[in-house]
């Protein structure tokens, strides 16, 4: 009986370790810095993010945000790590439950993009030009080129999650 219990415990433990935890990714265009959420601390957005509980959030149009303001917002919904592309124009941002190592790219881009590592994944967050399909093609080529360079330099991560937004 004791051996049977031990065998059952080993099988249960093996099954539990074989199950992989899902990694939840959210992308959201916040529409010009969350202008529709008029609450002082963006409580509606924070409540929605808490309910969804993503591991990372790729955000576009973070107008009016600074790095400090983004970090405060992210902390309110449980993300202790955040990166803002820039503090002018229509920046993208990445927030995560896990540490982020990011490269910011704005050269030859209408808005720019982040290429980052977080939670064991390589992530690209971009907001492509809304005005020209030719410009979008050029931007995608730039992203691909930078991504290839970054991946060659680092063997870290599981694939690439690309988050593009075209308005």
Foldseek 3Di string as FASTA:
>chain_A
DVVVVVVVVVVVVVVVVPDDDDAFEEEEECDQQVPVQPDPLSVVVLVVLLVVVGQKYKYKNNAQDDQVSVCVNLVSNQFNEKDWLDHDDIIIMMTGVFYKDWDWADPLFPHTWIFIDTPQATEIHEEHDQPDPVSRVVVVVVVVVVVVVVCVVDVTHDYYHYHYHHD
